[in-house]
PDB file of N, CA and C in Angstrom:
ATOM      1  N   UNK A   1      -3.770 -18.081 -18.976  1.00  0.00           N
ATOM      2  CA  UNK A   1      -3.719 -17.826 -17.410  1.00  0.00           C
ATOM      3  C   UNK A   1      -3.932 -16.410 -17.140  1.00  0.00           C
ATOM      4  N   UNK A   2      -4.230 -15.933 -16.152  1.00  0.00           N
ATOM      5  CA  UNK A   2      -4.920 -15.292 -15.549  1.00  0.00           C
ATOM      6  C   UNK A   2      -4.299 -14.428 -14.408  1.00  0.00           C
ATOM      7  N   UNK A   3      -3.679 -13.459 -14.300  1.00  0.00           N
ATOM      8  CA  UNK A   3      -2.736 -13.112 -12.889  1.00  0.00           C
ATOM      9  C   UNK A   3      -3.761 -12.871 -12.010  1.00  0.00           C
ATOM     10  N   UNK A   4      -5.071 -12.232 -12.004  1.00  0.00           N
ATOM     11  CA  UNK A   4      -6.507 -12.696 -11.193  1.00  0.00           C
ATOM     12  C   UNK A   4      -7.099 -13.451 -11.273  1.00  0.00           C
ATOM     13  N   UNK A   5      -6.581 -14.954 -10.987  1.00  0.00           N
ATOM     14  CA  UNK A   5      -7.558 -16.227 -11.001  1.00  0.00           C
ATOM     15  C   UNK A   5      -7.579 -16.787  -9.199  1.00  0.00           C
ATOM     16  N   UNK A   6      -8.722 -17.061  -9.278  1.00  0.00           N
ATOM     17  CA  UNK A   6      -9.468 -17.185  -8.075  1.00  0.00           C
ATOM     18  C   UNK A   6      -8.671 -18.034  -7.151  1.00  0.00           C
ATOM     19  N   UNK A   7      -8.132 -17.447  -5.791  1.00  0.00           N
ATOM     20  CA  UNK A   7      -7.230 -17.513  -5.145  1.00  0.00           C
ATOM     21  C   UNK A   7      -5.555 -17.187  -4.655  1.00  0.00           C
ATOM     22  N   UNK A   8      -5.953 -16.174  -5.944  1.00  0.00           N
ATOM     23  CA  UNK A   8      -4.720 -14.961  -6.041  1.00  0.00           C
ATOM     24  C   UNK A   8      -4.810 -14.294  -4.909  1.00  0.00           C
ATOM     25  N   UNK A   9      -3.392 -13.324  -3.876  1.00  0.00           N
ATOM     26  CA  UNK A   9      -3.660 -12.766  -2.954  1.00  0.00           C
ATOM     27  C   UNK A   9      -3.360 -11.604  -3.528  1.00  0.00           C
ATOM     28  N   UNK A  10      -3.825 -10.867  -3.139  1.00  0.00           N
ATOM     29  CA  UNK A  10      -3.806  -9.215  -3.941  1.00  0.00           C
ATOM     30  C   UNK A  10      -3.971  -8.501  -2.924  1.00  0.00           C
ATOM     31  N   UNK A  11      -3.582  -6.650  -3.178  1.00  0.00           N
ATOM     32  CA  UNK A  11      -3.080  -5.745  -2.691  1.00  0.00           C
ATOM     33  C   UNK A  11      -4.234  -4.652  -2.879  1.00  0.00           C
ATOM     34  N   UNK A  12      -4.842  -3.872  -2.099  1.00  0.00           N
ATOM     35  CA  UNK A  12      -5.248  -3.413  -2.171  1.00  0.00           C
ATOM     36  C   UNK A  12      -4.658  -1.884  -2.699  1.00  0.00           C
ATOM     37  N   UNK A  13      -4.865  -0.943  -3.428  1.00  0.00           N
ATOM     38  CA  UNK A  13      -4.449   0.078  -3.452  1.00  0.00           C
ATOM     39  C   UNK A  13      -5.326   1.243  -3.687  1.00  0.00           C
ATOM     40  N   UNK A  14      -6.150   1.127  -3.660  1.00  0.00           N
ATOM     41  CA  UNK A  14      -7.514   2.281  -3.590  1.00  0.00           C
ATOM     42  C   UNK A  14      -8.531   2.102  -2.724  1.00  0.00           C
ATOM     43  N   UNK A  15      -9.310   2.977  -2.618  1.00  0.00           N
ATOM     44  CA  UNK A  15     -10.688   3.126  -1.639  1.00  0.00           C
ATOM     45  C   UNK A  15     -10.010   3.230  -0.250  1.00  0.00           C
ATOM     46  N   UNK A  16     -10.985   2.724   0.699  1.00  0.00           N
ATOM     47  CA  UNK A  16     -10.658   2.897   1.911  1.00  0.00           C
ATOM     48  C   UNK A  16     -10.172   1.531   2.562  1.00  0.00           C
ATOM     49  N   UNK A  17      -9.701   0.646   2.318  1.00  0.00           N
ATOM     50  CA  UNK A  17      -9.157  -0.803   2.395  1.00  0.00           C
ATOM     51  C   UNK A  17      -7.449  -0.553   1.878  1.00  0.00           C
ATOM     52  N   UNK A  18      -7.277   0.310   1.414  1.00  0.00           N
ATOM     53  CA  UNK A  18      -5.646   0.561   0.547  1.00  0.00           C
ATOM     54  C   UNK A  18      -4.559  -0.028   1.223  1.00  0.00           C
ATOM     55  N   UNK A  19      -3.647  -0.941   1.092  1.00  0.00           N
ATOM     56  CA  UNK A  19      -3.302  -0.705   2.127  1.00  0.00           C
ATOM     57  C   UNK A  19      -3.057  -2.549   2.271  1.00  0.00           C
ATOM     58  N   UNK A  20      -4.718  -3.043   2.476  1.00  0.00           N
ATOM     59  CA  UNK A  20      -4.792  -4.304   2.904  1.00  0.00           C
ATOM     60  C   UNK A  20      -4.444  -5.326   2.088  1.00  0.00           C
ATOM     61  N   UNK A  21      -4.519  -6.559   2.568  1.00  0.00           N
ATOM     62  CA  UNK A  21      -4.362  -7.860   1.247  1.00  0.00           C
ATOM     63  C   UNK A  21      -5.786  -8.241   1.472  1.00  0.00           C
ATOM     64  N   UNK A  22      -6.054  -9.102   0.358  1.00  0.00           N
ATOM     65  CA  UNK A  22      -7.389  -9.378   0.189  1.00  0.00           C
ATOM     66  C   UNK A  22      -7.111 -11.285  -0.656  1.00  0.00           C
ATOM     67  N   UNK A  23      -7.945 -12.012  -1.247  1.00  0.00           N
ATOM     68  CA  UNK A  23      -7.739 -12.844  -1.552  1.00  0.00           C
ATOM     69  C   UNK A  23      -9.225 -12.772  -3.003  1.00  0.00           C
ATOM     70  N   UNK A  24      -8.289 -12.900  -4.030  1.00  0.00           N
ATOM     71  CA  UNK A  24      -9.320 -12.991  -4.903  1.00  0.00           C
ATOM     72  C   UNK A  24     -10.391 -14.447  -4.982  1.00  0.00           C
ATOM     73  N   UNK A  25     -11.905 -14.300  -5.002  1.00  0.00           N
ATOM     74  CA  UNK A  25     -12.597 -15.577  -4.911  1.00  0.00           C
ATOM     75  C   UNK A  25     -13.112 -15.650  -5.985  1.00  0.00           C
ATOM     76  N   UNK A  26     -13.131 -15.252  -6.956  1.00  0.00           N
ATOM     77  CA  UNK A  26     -14.290 -15.409  -8.131  1.00  0.00           C
ATOM     78  C   UNK A  26     -13.730 -14.076  -8.924  1.00  0.00           C
ATOM     79  N   UNK A  27     -13.709 -14.222 -10.595  1.00  0.00           N
ATOM     80  CA  UNK A  27     -13.590 -13.240 -11.715  1.00  0.00           C
ATOM     81  C   UNK A  27     -15.210 -12.879 -11.971  1.00  0.00           C
ATOM     82  N   UNK A  28     -15.415 -11.506 -12.491  1.00  0.00           N
ATOM     83  CA  UNK A  28     -16.285 -11.437 -12.870  1.00  0.00           C
ATOM     84  C   UNK A  28     -16.187 -10.721 -14.499  1.00  0.00           C
ATOM     85  N   UNK A  29     -17.474 -10.370 -14.755  1.00  0.00           N
ATOM     86  CA  UNK A  29     -16.978  -9.386 -16.418  1.00  0.00           C
ATOM     87  C   UNK A  29     -17.340  -8.326 -16.196  1.00  0.00           C
ATOM     88  N   UNK A  30     -16.657  -7.601 -16.500  1.00  0.00           N
ATOM     89  CA  UNK A  30     -16.321  -5.850 -17.314  1.00  0.00           C
ATOM     90  C   UNK A  30     -15.480  -5.555 -16.062  1.00  0.00           C
ATOM     91  N   UNK A  31     -14.207  -5.850 -16.037  1.00  0.00           N
ATOM     92  CA  UNK A  31     -12.947  -5.600 -15.354  1.00  0.00           C
ATOM     93  C   UNK A  31     -13.244  -5.801 -13.748  1.00  0.00           C
ATOM     94  N   UNK A  32     -13.965  -6.348 -13.376  1.00  0.00           N
ATOM     95  CA  UNK A  32     -14.421  -6.920 -12.018  1.00  0.00           C
ATOM     96  C   UNK A  32     -13.844  -8.175 -11.214  1.00  0.00           C
ATOM     97  N   UNK A  33     -13.431  -8.262 -10.298  1.00  0.00           N
ATOM     98  CA  UNK A  33     -13.255  -9.545  -9.328  1.00  0.00           C
ATOM     99  C   UNK A  33     -14.211  -9.296  -7.854  1.00  0.00           C
ATOM    100  N   UNK A  34     -14.213 -10.403  -7.350  1.00  0.00           N
ATOM    101  CA  UNK A  34     -15.057 -10.284  -5.841  1.00  0.00           C
ATOM    102  C   UNK A  34     -13.806 -10.996  -5.167  1.00  0.00           C
ATOM    103  N   UNK A  35     -13.739 -10.157  -4.206  1.00  0.00           N
ATOM    104  CA  UNK A  35     -12.254 -10.169  -3.115  1.00  0.00           C
ATOM    105  C   UNK A  35     -13.129 -10.337  -1.911  1.00  0.00           C
ATOM    106  N   UNK A  36     -12.067 -10.988  -0.911  1.00  0.00           N
ATOM    107  CA  UNK A  36     -12.626 -11.112   0.745  1.00  0.00           C
ATOM    108  C   UNK A  36     -10.973 -11.468   1.266  1.00  0.00           C
ATOM    109  N   UNK A  37     -11.311 -10.897   2.196  1.00  0.00           N
ATOM    110  CA  UNK A  37      -9.747 -11.091   3.065  1.00  0.00           C
ATOM    111  C   UNK A  37      -9.609 -12.047   3.589  1.00  0.00           C
ATOM    112  N   UNK A  38     -10.343 -12.411   4.338  1.00  0.00           N
ATOM    113  CA  UNK A  38     -11.797 -12.417   5.274  1.00  0.00           C
ATOM    114  C   UNK A  38     -11.430 -11.003   6.652  1.00  0.00           C
ATOM    115  N   UNK A  39     -12.400 -11.008   6.357  1.00  0.00           N
ATOM    116  CA  UNK A  39     -12.829  -9.555   7.409  1.00  0.00           C
ATOM    117  C   UNK A  39     -11.766 -10.104   8.931  1.00  0.00           C
ATOM    118  N   UNK A  40     -12.125 -11.009   9.486  1.00  0.00           N
ATOM    119  CA  UNK A  40     -11.521 -11.490  10.848  1.00  0.00           C
ATOM    120  C   UNK A  40      -9.766 -11.714  10.476  1.00  0.00           C
ATOM    121  N   UNK A  41      -9.120 -11.397   9.513  1.00  0.00           N
ATOM    122  CA  UNK A  41      -7.755 -11.713   9.438  1.00  0.00           C
ATOM    123  C   UNK A  41      -7.296 -10.419   8.744  1.00  0.00           C
ATOM    124  N   UNK A  42      -7.990  -9.826   7.550  1.00  0.00           N
ATOM    125  CA  UNK A  42      -7.235  -8.656   6.776  1.00  0.00           C
ATOM    126  C   UNK A  42      -8.064  -7.349   7.434  1.00  0.00           C
ATOM    127  N   UNK A  43      -8.841  -7.550   7.551  1.00  0.00           N
ATOM    128  CA  UNK A  43     -10.417  -6.275   7.773  1.00  0.00           C
ATOM    129  C   UNK A  43     -11.043  -6.254   6.507  1.00  0.00           C
ATOM    130  N   UNK A  44     -10.850  -6.840   5.634  1.00  0.00           N
ATOM    131  CA  UNK A  44     -11.552  -6.539   4.007  1.00  0.00           C
ATOM    132  C   UNK A  44     -12.839  -7.097   3.980  1.00  0.00           C
ATOM    133  N   UNK A  45     -13.490  -6.975   3.949  1.00  0.00           N
ATOM    134  CA  UNK A  45     -15.052  -7.596   4.341  1.00  0.00           C
ATOM    135  C   UNK A  45     -15.164  -8.526   2.522  1.00  0.00           C
ATOM    136  N   UNK A  46     -15.725  -9.439   2.119  1.00  0.00           N
ATOM    137  CA  UNK A  46     -16.463  -9.882   0.798  1.00  0.00           C
ATOM    138  C   UNK A  46     -16.733  -8.985  -0.039  1.00  0.00           C
ATOM    139  N   UNK A  47     -16.367  -8.310  -1.358  1.00  0.00           N
ATOM    140  CA  UNK A  47     -17.278  -7.523  -2.206  1.00  0.00           C
ATOM    141  C   UNK A  47     -16.274  -7.494  -3.436  1.00  0.00           C
ATOM    142  N   UNK A  48     -17.355  -7.252  -4.560  1.00  0.00           N
ATOM    143  CA  UNK A  48     -17.175  -6.584  -5.782  1.00  0.00           C
ATOM    144  C   UNK A  48     -15.936  -5.755  -6.131  1.00  0.00           C
ATOM    145  N   UNK A  49     -14.680  -5.605  -6.759  1.00  0.00           N
ATOM    146  CA  UNK A  49     -13.763  -4.456  -6.608  1.00  0.00           C
ATOM    147  C   UNK A  49     -13.311  -4.478  -7.911  1.00  0.00           C
ATOM    148  N   UNK A  50     -13.349  -3.299  -8.810  1.00  0.00           N
ATOM    149  CA  UNK A  50     -12.377  -2.968 -10.118  1.00  0.00           C
ATOM    150  C   UNK A  50     -10.883  -4.005  -9.703  1.00  0.00           C
ATOM    151  N   UNK A  51     -10.713  -4.492 -11.177  1.00  0.00           N
ATOM    152  CA  UNK A  51      -9.591  -4.741 -11.145  1.00  0.00           C
ATOM    153  C   UNK A  51      -8.120  -3.862 -11.234  1.00  0.00           C
ATOM    154  N   UNK A  52      -8.844  -2.549 -11.552  1.00  0.00           N
ATOM    155  CA  UNK A  52      -7.361  -1.514 -11.147  1.00  0.00           C
ATOM    156  C   UNK A  52      -7.314  -0.730  -9.708  1.00  0.00           C
ATOM    157  N   UNK A  53      -7.895  -1.289  -9.010  1.00  0.00           N
ATOM    158  CA  UNK A  53      -8.081  -0.797  -7.433  1.00  0.00           C
ATOM    159  C   UNK A  53      -7.054  -1.759  -6.977  1.00  0.00           C
ATOM    160  N   UNK A  54      -6.892  -2.850  -7.473  1.00  0.00           N
ATOM    161  CA  UNK A  54      -5.690  -4.323  -7.012  1.00  0.00           C
ATOM    162  C   UNK A  54      -4.605  -4.726  -7.387  1.00  0.00           C
ATOM    163  N   UNK A  55      -3.504  -4.877  -6.679  1.00  0.00           N
ATOM    164  CA  UNK A  55      -2.504  -5.280  -7.283  1.00  0.00           C
ATOM    165  C   UNK A  55      -1.832  -6.684  -6.870  1.00  0.00           C
ATOM    166  N   UNK A  56      -1.780  -7.150  -8.102  1.00  0.00           N
ATOM    167  CA  UNK A  56      -1.737  -9.399  -7.284  1.00  0.00           C
ATOM    168  C   UNK A  56      -0.606  -9.307  -7.227  1.00  0.00           C
ATOM    169  N   UNK A  57      -0.028 -10.455  -5.971  1.00  0.00           N
ATOM    170  CA  UNK A  57       0.934 -10.935  -5.517  1.00  0.00           C
ATOM    171  C   UNK A  57       1.606 -11.885  -6.191  1.00  0.00           C
ATOM    172  N   UNK A  58       2.887 -12.384  -5.997  1.00  0.00           N
ATOM    173  CA  UNK A  58       2.810 -13.751  -6.485  1.00  0.00           C
ATOM    174  C   UNK A  58       2.655 -14.898  -5.735  1.00  0.00           C
ATOM    175  N   UNK A  59       1.932 -14.634  -4.538  1.00  0.00           N
ATOM    176  CA  UNK A  59       1.125 -15.551  -3.746  1.00  0.00           C
ATOM    177  C   UNK A  59       0.035 -15.932  -3.588  1.00  0.00           C
ATOM    178  N   UNK A  60      -1.130 -17.323  -3.494  1.00  0.00           N
ATOM    179  CA  UNK A  60      -1.852 -17.781  -3.709  1.00  0.00           C
ATOM    180  C   UNK A  60      -2.327 -18.430  -3.071  1.00  0.00           C
ATOM    181  N   UNK A  61      -3.924 -18.777  -2.287  1.00  0.00           N
ATOM    182  CA  UNK A  61      -4.433 -19.363  -1.379  1.00  0.00           C
ATOM    183  C   UNK A  61      -5.392 -20.299  -2.180  1.00  0.00           C
ATOM    184  N   UNK A  62      -5.862 -21.736  -1.567  1.00  0.00           N
ATOM    185  CA  UNK A  62      -7.152 -21.884  -1.923  1.00  0.00           C
ATOM    186  C   UNK A  62      -8.223 -21.410  -2.126  1.00  0.00           C
ATOM    187  N   UNK A  63      -9.035 -20.767  -3.068  1.00  0.00           N
ATOM    188  CA  UNK A  63      -9.687 -20.035  -2.396  1.00  0.00           C
ATOM    189  C   UNK A  63     -11.511 -20.382  -2.007  1.00  0.00           C
ATOM    190  N   UNK A  64     -12.354 -19.553  -1.633  1.00  0.00           N
ATOM    191  CA  UNK A  64     -13.409 -20.613  -0.834  1.00  0.00           C
ATOM    192  C   UNK A  64     -14.237 -19.527   0.053  1.00  0.00           C
ATOM    193  N   UNK A  65     -15.141 -19.955   0.618  1.00  0.00           N
ATOM    194  CA  UNK A  65     -15.886 -19.552   1.905  1.00  0.00           C
ATOM    195  C   UNK A  65     -15.211 -18.563   2.900  1.00  0.00           C
ATOM    196  N   UNK A  66     -15.341 -18.495   3.814  1.00  0.00           N
ATOM    197  CA  UNK A  66     -14.606 -17.037   4.488  1.00  0.00           C
ATOM    198  C   UNK A  66     -14.031 -17.876   5.612  1.00  0.00           C
ATOM    199  N   UNK A  67     -14.654 -19.108   5.785  1.00  0.00           N
ATOM    200  CA  UNK A  67     -13.742 -19.860   7.155  1.00  0.00           C
ATOM    201  C   UNK A  67     -12.250 -20.602   6.304  1.00  0.00           C
ATOM    202  N   UNK A  68     -12.786 -20.898   5.470  1.00  0.00           N
ATOM    203  CA  UNK A  68     -11.830 -21.403   4.591  1.00  0.00           C
ATOM    204  C   UNK A  68     -10.683 -20.649   4.305  1.00  0.00           C
ATOM    205  N   UNK A  69     -10.929 -19.585   3.757  1.00  0.00           N
ATOM    206  CA  UNK A  69      -9.886 -18.914   3.530  1.00  0.00           C
ATOM    207  C   UNK A  69      -9.070 -18.609   5.282  1.00  0.00           C
ATOM    208  N   UNK A  70      -9.985 -18.592   6.303  1.00  0.00           N
ATOM    209  CA  UNK A  70      -9.631 -17.973   7.479  1.00  0.00           C
ATOM    210  C   UNK A  70      -8.295 -19.460   8.068  1.00  0.00           C
ATOM    211  N   UNK A  71      -8.729 -20.416   7.270  1.00  0.00           N
ATOM    212  CA  UNK A  71      -7.666 -21.605   7.662  1.00  0.00           C
ATOM    213  C   UNK A  71      -6.629 -21.846   6.936  1.00  0.00           C
ATOM    214  N   UNK A  72      -7.076 -20.867   5.505  1.00  0.00           N
ATOM    215  CA  UNK A  72      -5.426 -21.628   4.857  1.00  0.00           C
ATOM    216  C   UNK A  72      -4.528 -20.180   5.217  1.00  0.00           C
ATOM    217  N   UNK A  73      -5.259 -19.041   5.329  1.00  0.00           N
ATOM    218  CA  UNK A  73      -4.090 -17.853   6.040  1.00  0.00           C
ATOM    219  C   UNK A  73      -3.556 -18.302   6.865  1.00  0.00           C
ATOM    220  N   UNK A  74      -3.996 -19.003   8.165  1.00  0.00           N
ATOM    221  CA  UNK A  74      -3.146 -19.331   9.205  1.00  0.00           C
ATOM    222  C   UNK A  74      -2.457 -20.355   9.194  1.00  0.00           C
ATOM    223  N   UNK A  75      -2.384 -21.228   8.306  1.00  0.00           N
ATOM    224  CA  UNK A  75      -1.641 -22.551   7.881  1.00  0.00           C
ATOM    225  C   UNK A  75      -1.161 -22.035   6.911  1.00  0.00           C
ATOM    226  N   UNK A  76      -0.702 -21.310   5.892  1.00  0.00           N
ATOM    227  CA  UNK A  76       0.092 -21.191   5.024  1.00  0.00           C
ATOM    228  C   UNK A  76       1.556 -20.195   5.723  1.00  0.00           C
ATOM    229  N   UNK A  77       1.362 -19.284   6.675  1.00  0.00           N
ATOM    230  CA  UNK A  77       2.042 -18.665   7.342  1.00  0.00           C
ATOM    231  C   UNK A  77       2.476 -17.321   6.882  1.00  0.00           C
ATOM    232  N   UNK A  78       1.408 -17.193   5.537  1.00  0.00           N
ATOM    233  CA  UNK A  78       2.070 -15.962   4.770  1.00  0.00           C
ATOM    234  C   UNK A  78       1.580 -14.810   5.990  1.00  0.00           C
ATOM    235  N   UNK A  79       1.087 -14.660   6.771  1.00  0.00           N
ATOM    236  CA  UNK A  79       0.541 -13.660   8.095  1.00  0.00           C
ATOM    237  C   UNK A  79       1.688 -13.288   8.413  1.00  0.00           C
ATOM    238  N   UNK A  80       2.458 -13.870   8.615  1.00  0.00           N
ATOM    239  CA  UNK A  80       3.900 -13.249   9.466  1.00  0.00           C
ATOM    240  C   UNK A  80       4.585 -12.600   8.223  1.00  0.00           C
ATOM    241  N   UNK A  81       4.472 -13.307   7.338  1.00  0.00           N
ATOM    242  CA  UNK A  81       5.120 -13.481   5.632  1.00  0.00           C
ATOM    243  C   UNK A  81       4.932 -11.374   5.099  1.00  0.00           C
ATOM    244  N   UNK A  82       4.005 -11.513   5.094  1.00  0.00           N
ATOM    245  CA  UNK A  82       3.182 -10.281   5.140  1.00  0.00           C
ATOM    246  C   UNK A  82       3.137  -9.474   5.237  1.00  0.00           C
ATOM    247  N   UNK A  83       3.350  -9.552   6.817  1.00  0.00           N
ATOM    248  CA  UNK A  83       3.206  -8.484   8.254  1.00  0.00           C
ATOM    249  C   UNK A  83       2.039  -7.806   8.349  1.00  0.00           C
ATOM    250  N   UNK A  84       0.805  -9.017   8.163  1.00  0.00           N
ATOM    251  CA  UNK A  84      -0.606  -8.520   8.621  1.00  0.00           C
ATOM    252  C   UNK A  84      -0.512  -8.356   9.653  1.00  0.00           C
ATOM    253  N   UNK A  85      -1.573  -7.662  10.117  1.00  0.00           N
ATOM    254  CA  UNK A  85      -1.793  -7.554  11.854  1.00  0.00           C
ATOM    255  C   UNK A  85      -3.056  -7.682  11.926  1.00  0.00           C
ATOM    256  N   UNK A  86      -3.230  -9.113  12.371  1.00  0.00           N
ATOM    257  CA  UNK A  86      -4.912  -9.418  12.418  1.00  0.00           C
ATOM    258  C   UNK A  86      -5.203  -8.822  13.658  1.00  0.00           C
ATOM    259  N   UNK A  87      -6.678  -7.996  13.558  1.00  0.00           N
ATOM    260  CA  UNK A  87      -7.514  -7.655  14.565  1.00  0.00           C
ATOM    261  C   UNK A  87      -7.515  -8.711  16.062  1.00  0.00           C
ATOM    262  N   UNK A  88      -7.545  -8.138  17.013  1.00  0.00           N
ATOM    263  CA  UNK A  88      -7.812  -8.685  18.515  1.00  0.00           C
ATOM    264  C   UNK A  88      -9.354  -8.952  18.891  1.00  0.00           C
ATOM    265  N   UNK A  89     -10.475  -9.871  18.746  1.00  0.00           N
ATOM    266  CA  UNK A  89     -11.125  -9.468  19.018  1.00  0.00           C
ATOM    267  C   UNK A  89     -11.975  -8.673  20.676  1.00  0.00           C
ATOM    268  N   UNK A  90     -12.811  -7.624  20.399  1.00  0.00           N
ATOM    269  CA  UNK A  90     -12.852  -7.247  21.229  1.00  0.00           C
ATOM    270  C   UNK A  90     -14.042  -7.827  22.608  1.00  0.00           C
ATOM    271  N   UNK A  91     -13.460  -7.843  24.054  1.00  0.00           N
ATOM    272  CA  UNK A  91     -14.440  -8.400  25.043  1.00  0.00           C
ATOM    273  C   UNK A  91     -15.748  -7.752  25.146  1.00  0.00           C
ATOM    274  N   UNK A  92     -16.850  -7.930  25.085  1.00  0.00           N
ATOM    275  CA  UNK A  92     -17.736  -7.558  25.277  1.00  0.00           C
ATOM    276  C   UNK A  92     -18.526  -7.090  26.541  1.00  0.00           C
ATOM    277  N   UNK A  93     -18.102  -6.103  27.088  1.00  0.00           N
ATOM    278  CA  UNK A  93     -18.904  -6.329  28.677  1.00  0.00           C
ATOM    279  C   UNK A  93     -19.822  -5.203  28.408  1.00  0.00           C
ATOM    280  N   UNK A  94     -20.924  -5.330  29.428  1.00  0.00           N
ATOM    281  CA  UNK A  94     -22.350  -4.444  29.580  1.00  0.00           C
ATOM    282  C   UNK A  94     -22.305  -4.163  30.845  1.00  0.00           C
ATOM    283  N   UNK A  95     -22.085  -2.982  30.945  1.00  0.00           N
ATOM    284  CA  UNK A  95     -22.418  -2.584  32.507  1.00  0.00           C
ATOM    285  C   UNK A  95     -23.997  -2.076  32.862  1.00  0.00           C
ATOM    286  N   UNK A  96     -24.393  -2.683  33.727  1.00  0.00           N
ATOM    287  CA  UNK A  96     -25.647  -2.524  34.202  1.00  0.00           C
ATOM    288  C   UNK A  96     -25.958  -1.198  34.493  1.00  0.00           C
ATOM    289  N   UNK A  97     -27.394  -0.410  33.829  1.00  0.00           N
ATOM    290  CA  UNK A  97     -27.607   0.773  34.173  1.00  0.00           C
ATOM    291  C   UNK A  97     -28.775   0.824  35.375  1.00  0.00           C
ATOM    292  N   UNK A  98     -27.879   1.598  36.360  1.00  0.00           N
ATOM    293  CA  UNK A  98     -28.969   1.762  37.576  1.00  0.00           C
ATOM    294  C   UNK A  98     -30.441   1.867  36.892  1.00  0.00           C
ATOM    295  N   UNK A  99     -31.131   1.496  37.097  1.00  0.00           N
ATOM    296  CA  UNK A  99     -33.005   1.227  37.229  1.00  0.00           C
ATOM    297  C   UNK A  99     -33.254   2.773  38.057  1.00  0.00           C
ATOM    298  N   UNK A 100     -34.311   3.746  36.922  1.00  0.00           N
ATOM    299  CA  UNK A 100     -34.529   4.578  38.140  1.00  0.00           C
ATOM    300  C   UNK A 100     -35.776   4.239  39.278  1.00  0.00           C
ATOM    301  N   UNK A 101     -35.357   4.823  40.272  1.00  0.00           N
ATOM    302  CA  UNK A 101     -35.800   4.416  41.486  1.00  0.00           C
ATOM    303  C   UNK A 101     -38.009   4.932  41.522  1.00  0.00           C
ATOM    304  N   UNK A 102     -37.770   6.168  40.874  1.00  0.00           N
ATOM    305  CA  UNK A 102     -38.997   6.095  40.733  1.00  0.00           C
ATOM    306  C   UNK A 102     -39.791   5.481  39.646  1.00  0.00           C
ATOM    307  N   UNK A 103     -41.415   4.996  40.628  1.00  0.00           N
ATOM    308  CA  UNK A 103     -42.582   4.663  39.127  1.00  0.00           C
ATOM    309  C   UNK A 103     -43.140   5.689  38.907  1.00  0.00           C
ATOM    310  N   UNK A 104     -43.934   5.844  37.603  1.00  0.00           N
ATOM    311  CA  UNK A 104     -44.601   7.071  37.061  1.00  0.00           C
ATOM    312  C   UNK A 104     -45.793   7.150  38.350  1.00  0.00           C
ATOM    313  N   UNK A 105     -46.388   8.543  38.370  1.00  0.00           N
ATOM    314  CA  UNK A 105     -47.054   9.546  39.232  1.00  0.00           C
ATOM    315  C   UNK A 105     -46.300   8.881  40.742  1.00  0.00           C
ATOM    316  N   UNK A 106     -45.406   8.271  41.141  1.00  0.00           N
ATOM    317  CA  UNK A 106     -44.968   7.771  42.538  1.00  0.00           C
ATOM    318  C   UNK A 106     -43.365   8.698  42.373  1.00  0.00           C
ATOM    319  N   UNK A 107     -43.078   8.964  43.550  1.00  0.00           N
ATOM    320  CA  UNK A 107     -41.961   9.774  43.886  1.00  0.00           C
ATOM    321  C   UNK A 107     -41.710   8.878  45.049  1.00  0.00           C
ATOM    322  N   UNK A 108     -39.595   9.151  44.605  1.00  0.00           N
ATOM    323  CA  UNK A 108     -39.269   8.058  45.820  1.00  0.00           C
ATOM    324  C   UNK A 108     -39.171   8.906  47.048  1.00  0.00           C
ATOM    325  N   UNK A 109     -39.201   8.453  48.544  1.00  0.00           N
ATOM    326  CA  UNK A 109     -39.377   9.237  49.586  1.00  0.00           C
ATOM    327  C   UNK A 109     -37.575   8.490  50.244  1.00  0.00           C
ATOM    328  N   UNK A 110     -37.383   9.834  50.994  1.00  0.00           N
ATOM    329  CA  UNK A 110     -35.606   9.815  51.261  1.00  0.00           C
ATOM    330  C   UNK A 110     -35.492   9.955  52.501  1.00  0.00           C
TER     331      UNK A 110
END
């Protein structure tokens, strides 16, 4: 039994996502595993990662799609236990730009 089996929660220790938690989705050969946060919970997107860039924890979840992982994170209570800050969704507000008053070849009279 490997420490990096599918479903194991790991801590990224190298790269741009260092210090973030992720879940091992599957093991690949040559010292790599596929991990996912998912991005909506831990801001780690699904990708292949070297086993030298992650540190396994004692916790594990049921691995699957990102929707399954998100549900598992929320029901397990590990978000609070590990101190993970879940990113808030931004409200997209588009401000309408004022359209130019003049049309081609015509000037606007004031």
